Amino acid sequence: MKTTVGEKIRYARKASNVNRSALGRSVGTIYQRIREWEDGINHPKYENVKKIADSLKVDVRYFMDPEVSPEDFDLYRLESQDYVDVRLSERAAAYVRSIAEKKKSSAAQVVNDIIESMIRK
């Protein structure tokens, strides 16, 4: 189910125990504008979504991906261990792919080489 940025702003704001006025101040707008975004009357510019994400300490991808459910908020919190694990997994996968391209071998072979080198140490 696709969700709107506004639905996620409302969910994240409430989950963070932040009222519209406080969020508006941190974004540099008025609380009415926050309400308009949450209600889908208007849509925030990316720069404002980024400010909201920073203020609520959540990855901006939470707001931008329409396939992400509002209830997934905790998975995208910046201090969440799950978020850290996902980011590390993404970085590790990218690193393995880059080595595999340079060596012209498979990612599985690169992982095996890394594990073998760690065992030898």
N, C-alpha and C. Protein backbone atom coordinates (compact mmCIF):
# COMPACT_ATOMS: atom_id res chain seq x y z
N MET A 1 0.84 -1.17 0.00
CA MET A 1 0.00 0.00 0.00
C MET A 1 0.89 1.25 0.00
N LYS A 2 0.63 2.13 -0.90
CA LYS A 2 1.42 3.36 -0.99
C LYS A 2 0.91 4.37 0.03
N THR A 3 1.85 5.04 0.66
CA THR A 3 1.49 6.05 1.65
C THR A 3 2.07 7.39 1.24
N THR A 4 1.47 8.44 1.76
CA THR A 4 1.91 9.79 1.40
C THR A 4 2.96 10.29 2.40
N VAL A 5 3.68 11.28 1.97
CA VAL A 5 4.66 11.94 2.84
C VAL A 5 3.94 12.51 4.05
N GLY A 6 2.78 13.10 3.83
CA GLY A 6 2.02 13.70 4.92
C GLY A 6 1.63 12.70 6.00
N GLU A 7 1.19 11.51 5.58
CA GLU A 7 0.84 10.47 6.55
C GLU A 7 2.05 10.10 7.40
N LYS A 8 3.19 10.04 6.75
CA LYS A 8 4.42 9.67 7.47
C LYS A 8 4.90 10.80 8.38
N ILE A 9 4.72 12.04 7.94
CA ILE A 9 5.08 13.17 8.81
C ILE A 9 4.25 13.11 10.08
N ARG A 10 2.95 12.91 9.94
CA ARG A 10 2.06 12.84 11.11
C ARG A 10 2.49 11.69 12.03
N TYR A 11 2.70 10.51 11.44
CA TYR A 11 3.05 9.35 12.26
C TYR A 11 4.38 9.58 12.98
N ALA A 12 5.39 10.05 12.24
CA ALA A 12 6.72 10.26 12.83
C ALA A 12 6.69 11.34 13.90
N ARG A 13 5.94 12.39 13.65
CA ARG A 13 5.83 13.48 14.62
C ARG A 13 5.22 12.98 15.91
N LYS A 14 4.12 12.24 15.79
CA LYS A 14 3.44 11.72 16.99
C LYS A 14 4.30 10.68 17.71
N ALA A 15 4.95 9.82 16.94
CA ALA A 15 5.82 8.80 17.55
C ALA A 15 6.99 9.43 18.28
N SER A 16 7.38 10.62 17.84
CA SER A 16 8.48 11.35 18.47
C SER A 16 8.01 12.29 19.57
N ASN A 17 6.70 12.30 19.82
CA ASN A 17 6.11 13.18 20.84
C ASN A 17 6.44 14.65 20.59
N VAL A 18 6.28 15.06 19.34
CA VAL A 18 6.55 16.45 18.94
C VAL A 18 5.24 17.04 18.43
N ASN A 19 4.90 18.24 18.88
CA ASN A 19 3.68 18.86 18.36
C ASN A 19 3.99 19.64 17.08
N ARG A 20 2.94 20.04 16.40
CA ARG A 20 3.12 20.72 15.12
C ARG A 20 3.88 22.03 15.26
N SER A 21 3.64 22.75 16.33
CA SER A 21 4.33 24.03 16.54
C SER A 21 5.83 23.83 16.66
N ALA A 22 6.23 22.86 17.47
CA ALA A 22 7.67 22.59 17.66
C ALA A 22 8.31 22.12 16.37
N LEU A 23 7.63 21.25 15.65
CA LEU A 23 8.17 20.78 14.37
C LEU A 23 8.26 21.94 13.38
N GLY A 24 7.24 22.76 13.35
CA GLY A 24 7.26 23.93 12.46
C GLY A 24 8.44 24.84 12.75
N ARG A 25 8.69 25.09 14.04
CA ARG A 25 9.84 25.94 14.41
C ARG A 25 11.16 25.32 13.95
N SER A 26 11.29 24.01 14.11
CA SER A 26 12.56 23.38 13.73
C SER A 26 12.75 23.35 12.22
N VAL A 27 11.65 23.38 11.48
CA VAL A 27 11.72 23.38 10.02
C VAL A 27 11.78 24.79 9.46
N GLY A 28 11.35 25.75 10.27
CA GLY A 28 11.33 27.14 9.81
C GLY A 28 10.04 27.52 9.14
N THR A 29 8.94 26.94 9.63
CA THR A 29 7.62 27.26 9.08
C THR A 29 6.62 27.33 10.24
N ILE A 30 5.38 27.55 9.89
CA ILE A 30 4.33 27.66 10.90
C ILE A 30 3.61 26.31 11.06
N TYR A 31 2.96 26.14 12.22
CA TYR A 31 2.31 24.85 12.48
C TYR A 31 1.19 24.55 11.48
N GLN A 32 0.56 25.60 10.94
CA GLN A 32 -0.50 25.39 9.95
C GLN A 32 0.04 24.70 8.70
N ARG A 33 1.27 25.04 8.33
CA ARG A 33 1.89 24.42 7.15
C ARG A 33 2.12 22.93 7.41
N ILE A 34 2.55 22.60 8.63
CA ILE A 34 2.73 21.18 9.00
C ILE A 34 1.40 20.45 8.86
N ARG A 35 0.34 21.08 9.36
CA ARG A 35 -1.00 20.47 9.25
C ARG A 35 -1.40 20.26 7.80
N GLU A 36 -1.13 21.25 6.95
CA GLU A 36 -1.46 21.14 5.53
C GLU A 36 -0.71 19.98 4.89
N TRP A 37 0.56 19.81 5.25
CA TRP A 37 1.35 18.69 4.69
C TRP A 37 0.79 17.36 5.19
N GLU A 38 0.49 17.29 6.49
CA GLU A 38 -0.03 16.05 7.05
C GLU A 38 -1.39 15.69 6.45
N ASP A 39 -2.22 16.69 6.20
CA ASP A 39 -3.55 16.44 5.65
C ASP A 39 -3.56 16.29 4.13
N GLY A 40 -2.42 16.48 3.50
CA GLY A 40 -2.33 16.32 2.05
C GLY A 40 -2.86 17.51 1.27
N ILE A 41 -3.09 18.63 1.94
CA ILE A 41 -3.58 19.84 1.26
C ILE A 41 -2.47 20.42 0.39
N ASN A 42 -1.27 20.43 0.94
CA ASN A 42 -0.07 20.86 0.20
C ASN A 42 1.01 19.81 0.42
N HIS A 43 2.03 19.86 -0.41
CA HIS A 43 3.13 18.90 -0.31
C HIS A 43 4.43 19.65 -0.03
N PRO A 44 5.20 19.16 0.93
CA PRO A 44 6.45 19.85 1.26
C PRO A 44 7.51 19.67 0.17
N LYS A 45 8.35 20.67 0.02
CA LYS A 45 9.50 20.56 -0.87
C LYS A 45 10.49 19.61 -0.22
N TYR A 46 11.38 19.05 -1.04
CA TYR A 46 12.36 18.10 -0.53
C TYR A 46 13.18 18.72 0.61
N GLU A 47 13.57 19.98 0.47
CA GLU A 47 14.39 20.61 1.51
C GLU A 47 13.66 20.62 2.85
N ASN A 48 12.34 20.76 2.83
CA ASN A 48 11.57 20.72 4.07
C ASN A 48 11.44 19.30 4.61
N VAL A 49 11.30 18.34 3.70
CA VAL A 49 11.25 16.95 4.14
C VAL A 49 12.58 16.58 4.81
N LYS A 50 13.67 17.05 4.25
CA LYS A 50 15.00 16.80 4.82
C LYS A 50 15.10 17.43 6.21
N LYS A 51 14.60 18.65 6.36
CA LYS A 51 14.63 19.31 7.67
C LYS A 51 13.78 18.54 8.69
N ILE A 52 12.62 18.05 8.24
CA ILE A 52 11.77 17.26 9.13
C ILE A 52 12.49 15.99 9.54
N ALA A 53 13.10 15.32 8.58
CA ALA A 53 13.85 14.09 8.87
C ALA A 53 14.96 14.36 9.88
N ASP A 54 15.69 15.44 9.67
CA ASP A 54 16.77 15.80 10.60
C ASP A 54 16.21 16.10 11.98
N SER A 55 15.12 16.84 12.04
CA SER A 55 14.52 17.22 13.31
C SER A 55 14.02 16.01 14.09
N LEU A 56 13.42 15.05 13.37
CA LEU A 56 12.86 13.87 14.01
C LEU A 56 13.86 12.71 14.10
N LYS A 57 15.08 12.96 13.62
CA LYS A 57 16.15 11.96 13.67
C LYS A 57 15.75 10.66 12.97
N VAL A 58 15.32 10.83 11.72
CA VAL A 58 14.91 9.68 10.92
C VAL A 58 15.53 9.82 9.53
N ASP A 59 15.83 8.70 8.91
CA ASP A 59 16.39 8.70 7.56
C ASP A 59 15.36 9.30 6.60
N VAL A 60 15.79 10.20 5.74
CA VAL A 60 14.86 10.87 4.82
C VAL A 60 14.18 9.86 3.89
N ARG A 61 14.79 8.70 3.67
CA ARG A 61 14.17 7.68 2.81
C ARG A 61 12.84 7.19 3.37
N TYR A 62 12.66 7.29 4.68
CA TYR A 62 11.38 6.92 5.29
C TYR A 62 10.24 7.72 4.66
N PHE A 63 10.48 8.99 4.45
CA PHE A 63 9.44 9.85 3.88
C PHE A 63 9.32 9.72 2.36
N MET A 64 10.41 9.46 1.68
CA MET A 64 10.44 9.54 0.23
C MET A 64 9.96 8.28 -0.48
N ASP A 65 10.06 7.12 0.16
CA ASP A 65 9.68 5.86 -0.48
C ASP A 65 8.20 5.58 -0.23
N PRO A 66 7.37 5.62 -1.28
CA PRO A 66 5.94 5.42 -1.08
C PRO A 66 5.57 4.00 -0.63
N GLU A 67 6.49 3.06 -0.78
CA GLU A 67 6.22 1.68 -0.37
C GLU A 67 6.47 1.46 1.12
N VAL A 68 7.15 2.41 1.76
CA VAL A 68 7.43 2.29 3.18
C VAL A 68 6.20 2.71 3.96
N SER A 69 5.79 1.87 4.90
CA SER A 69 4.62 2.15 5.72
C SER A 69 4.95 3.13 6.84
N PRO A 70 4.00 3.97 7.24
CA PRO A 70 4.25 4.86 8.37
C PRO A 70 4.71 4.09 9.62
N GLU A 71 4.18 2.89 9.81
CA GLU A 71 4.52 2.09 10.98
C GLU A 71 5.97 1.59 10.96
N ASP A 72 6.67 1.75 9.84
CA ASP A 72 8.09 1.36 9.76
C ASP A 72 9.01 2.43 10.34
N PHE A 73 8.44 3.44 10.95
CA PHE A 73 9.21 4.58 11.46
C PHE A 73 10.42 4.15 12.30
N ASP A 74 10.20 3.23 13.23
CA ASP A 74 11.29 2.82 14.11
C ASP A 74 12.46 2.20 13.36
N LEU A 75 12.19 1.58 12.23
CA LEU A 75 13.27 0.99 11.44
C LEU A 75 14.16 2.04 10.77
N TYR A 76 13.64 3.24 10.61
CA TYR A 76 14.38 4.30 9.93
C TYR A 76 14.93 5.36 10.88
N ARG A 77 14.70 5.17 12.17
CA ARG A 77 15.29 6.11 13.14
C ARG A 77 16.80 6.01 13.06
N LEU A 78 17.44 7.13 13.11
CA LEU A 78 18.89 7.15 12.94
C LEU A 78 19.63 6.45 14.07
N GLU A 79 19.07 6.41 15.26
CA GLU A 79 19.75 5.74 16.35
C GLU A 79 19.33 4.28 16.48
N SER A 80 18.45 3.84 15.60
CA SER A 80 17.96 2.46 15.64
C SER A 80 19.05 1.49 15.22
N GLN A 81 19.24 0.42 15.99
CA GLN A 81 20.25 -0.59 15.63
C GLN A 81 19.88 -1.25 14.31
N ASP A 82 18.56 -1.45 14.08
CA ASP A 82 18.15 -2.03 12.81
C ASP A 82 18.59 -1.15 11.65
N TYR A 83 18.43 0.17 11.80
CA TYR A 83 18.86 1.09 10.76
C TYR A 83 20.36 0.97 10.54
N VAL A 84 21.11 0.93 11.63
CA VAL A 84 22.56 0.81 11.52
C VAL A 84 22.92 -0.48 10.80
N ASP A 85 22.26 -1.58 11.17
CA ASP A 85 22.54 -2.86 10.52
C ASP A 85 22.23 -2.81 9.03
N VAL A 86 21.12 -2.18 8.66
CA VAL A 86 20.76 -2.06 7.25
C VAL A 86 21.79 -1.23 6.50
N ARG A 87 22.18 -0.08 7.07
CA ARG A 87 23.17 0.78 6.42
C ARG A 87 24.51 0.06 6.27
N LEU A 88 24.92 -0.67 7.32
CA LEU A 88 26.17 -1.42 7.23
C LEU A 88 26.07 -2.52 6.18
N SER A 89 24.92 -3.18 6.13
CA SER A 89 24.72 -4.22 5.13
C SER A 89 24.79 -3.65 3.72
N GLU A 90 24.17 -2.49 3.52
CA GLU A 90 24.21 -1.84 2.20
C GLU A 90 25.63 -1.46 1.83
N ARG A 91 26.37 -0.91 2.79
CA ARG A 91 27.76 -0.51 2.52
C ARG A 91 28.63 -1.73 2.25
N ALA A 92 28.44 -2.78 3.04
CA ALA A 92 29.23 -4.00 2.84
C ALA A 92 28.94 -4.60 1.47
N ALA A 93 27.68 -4.63 1.09
CA ALA A 93 27.32 -5.18 -0.22
C ALA A 93 27.93 -4.35 -1.34
N ALA A 94 27.89 -3.03 -1.20
CA ALA A 94 28.48 -2.15 -2.21
C ALA A 94 29.99 -2.37 -2.29
N TYR A 95 30.63 -2.52 -1.15
CA TYR A 95 32.08 -2.76 -1.10
C TYR A 95 32.42 -4.08 -1.80
N VAL A 96 31.68 -5.12 -1.49
CA VAL A 96 31.93 -6.43 -2.12
C VAL A 96 31.72 -6.35 -3.62
N ARG A 97 30.65 -5.67 -4.05
CA ARG A 97 30.41 -5.53 -5.50
C ARG A 97 31.56 -4.79 -6.18
N SER A 98 32.08 -3.74 -5.54
CA SER A 98 33.17 -2.97 -6.15
C SER A 98 34.43 -3.81 -6.27
N ILE A 99 34.73 -4.61 -5.27
CA ILE A 99 35.90 -5.49 -5.34
C ILE A 99 35.69 -6.55 -6.41
N ALA A 100 34.49 -7.11 -6.46
CA ALA A 100 34.19 -8.14 -7.46
C ALA A 100 34.36 -7.59 -8.88
N GLU A 101 33.94 -6.36 -9.10
CA GLU A 101 34.11 -5.75 -10.43
C GLU A 101 35.58 -5.57 -10.76
N LYS A 102 36.36 -5.11 -9.78
CA LYS A 102 37.80 -4.90 -10.01
C LYS A 102 38.52 -6.22 -10.28
N LYS A 103 38.16 -7.26 -9.54
CA LYS A 103 38.82 -8.56 -9.69
C LYS A 103 38.21 -9.40 -10.81
N LYS A 104 37.10 -8.90 -11.33
CA LYS A 104 36.35 -9.63 -12.35
C LYS A 104 35.99 -11.04 -11.85
N SER A 105 35.50 -11.08 -10.64
CA SER A 105 35.05 -12.34 -10.06
C SER A 105 33.67 -12.13 -9.45
N SER A 106 33.11 -13.20 -8.93
CA SER A 106 31.77 -13.09 -8.35
C SER A 106 31.83 -12.53 -6.94
N ALA A 107 30.71 -11.95 -6.53
CA ALA A 107 30.63 -11.41 -5.19
C ALA A 107 30.81 -12.52 -4.16
N ALA A 108 30.27 -13.70 -4.45
CA ALA A 108 30.42 -14.83 -3.53
C ALA A 108 31.89 -15.19 -3.34
N GLN A 109 32.66 -15.17 -4.41
CA GLN A 109 34.08 -15.47 -4.31
C GLN A 109 34.81 -14.42 -3.47
N VAL A 110 34.45 -13.16 -3.65
CA VAL A 110 35.07 -12.08 -2.87
C VAL A 110 34.77 -12.27 -1.38
N VAL A 111 33.52 -12.61 -1.06
CA VAL A 111 33.16 -12.84 0.34
C VAL A 111 33.97 -14.00 0.90
N ASN A 112 34.08 -15.09 0.13
CA ASN A 112 34.88 -16.23 0.59
C ASN A 112 36.33 -15.83 0.81
N ASP A 113 36.89 -15.03 -0.08
CA ASP A 113 38.28 -14.56 0.07
C ASP A 113 38.43 -13.73 1.34
N ILE A 114 37.47 -12.84 1.61
CA ILE A 114 37.53 -12.01 2.81
C ILE A 114 37.47 -12.88 4.06
N ILE A 115 36.56 -13.84 4.08
CA ILE A 115 36.42 -14.73 5.24
C ILE A 115 37.70 -15.54 5.44
N GLU A 116 38.24 -16.07 4.37
CA GLU A 116 39.47 -16.85 4.48
C GLU A 116 40.63 -16.00 5.02
N SER A 117 40.73 -14.76 4.55
CA SER A 117 41.82 -13.89 5.04
C SER A 117 41.63 -13.57 6.52
N MET A 118 40.39 -13.44 6.96
CA MET A 118 40.13 -13.17 8.38
C MET A 118 40.48 -14.39 9.24
N ILE A 119 40.21 -15.58 8.73
CA ILE A 119 40.51 -16.80 9.47
C ILE A 119 42.03 -16.98 9.61
N ARG A 120 42.76 -16.65 8.55
CA ARG A 120 44.23 -16.79 8.57
C ARG A 120 44.88 -15.86 9.58
N LYS A 121 44.26 -14.73 9.89
CA LYS A 121 44.85 -13.76 10.82
C LYS A 121 44.72 -14.27 12.19
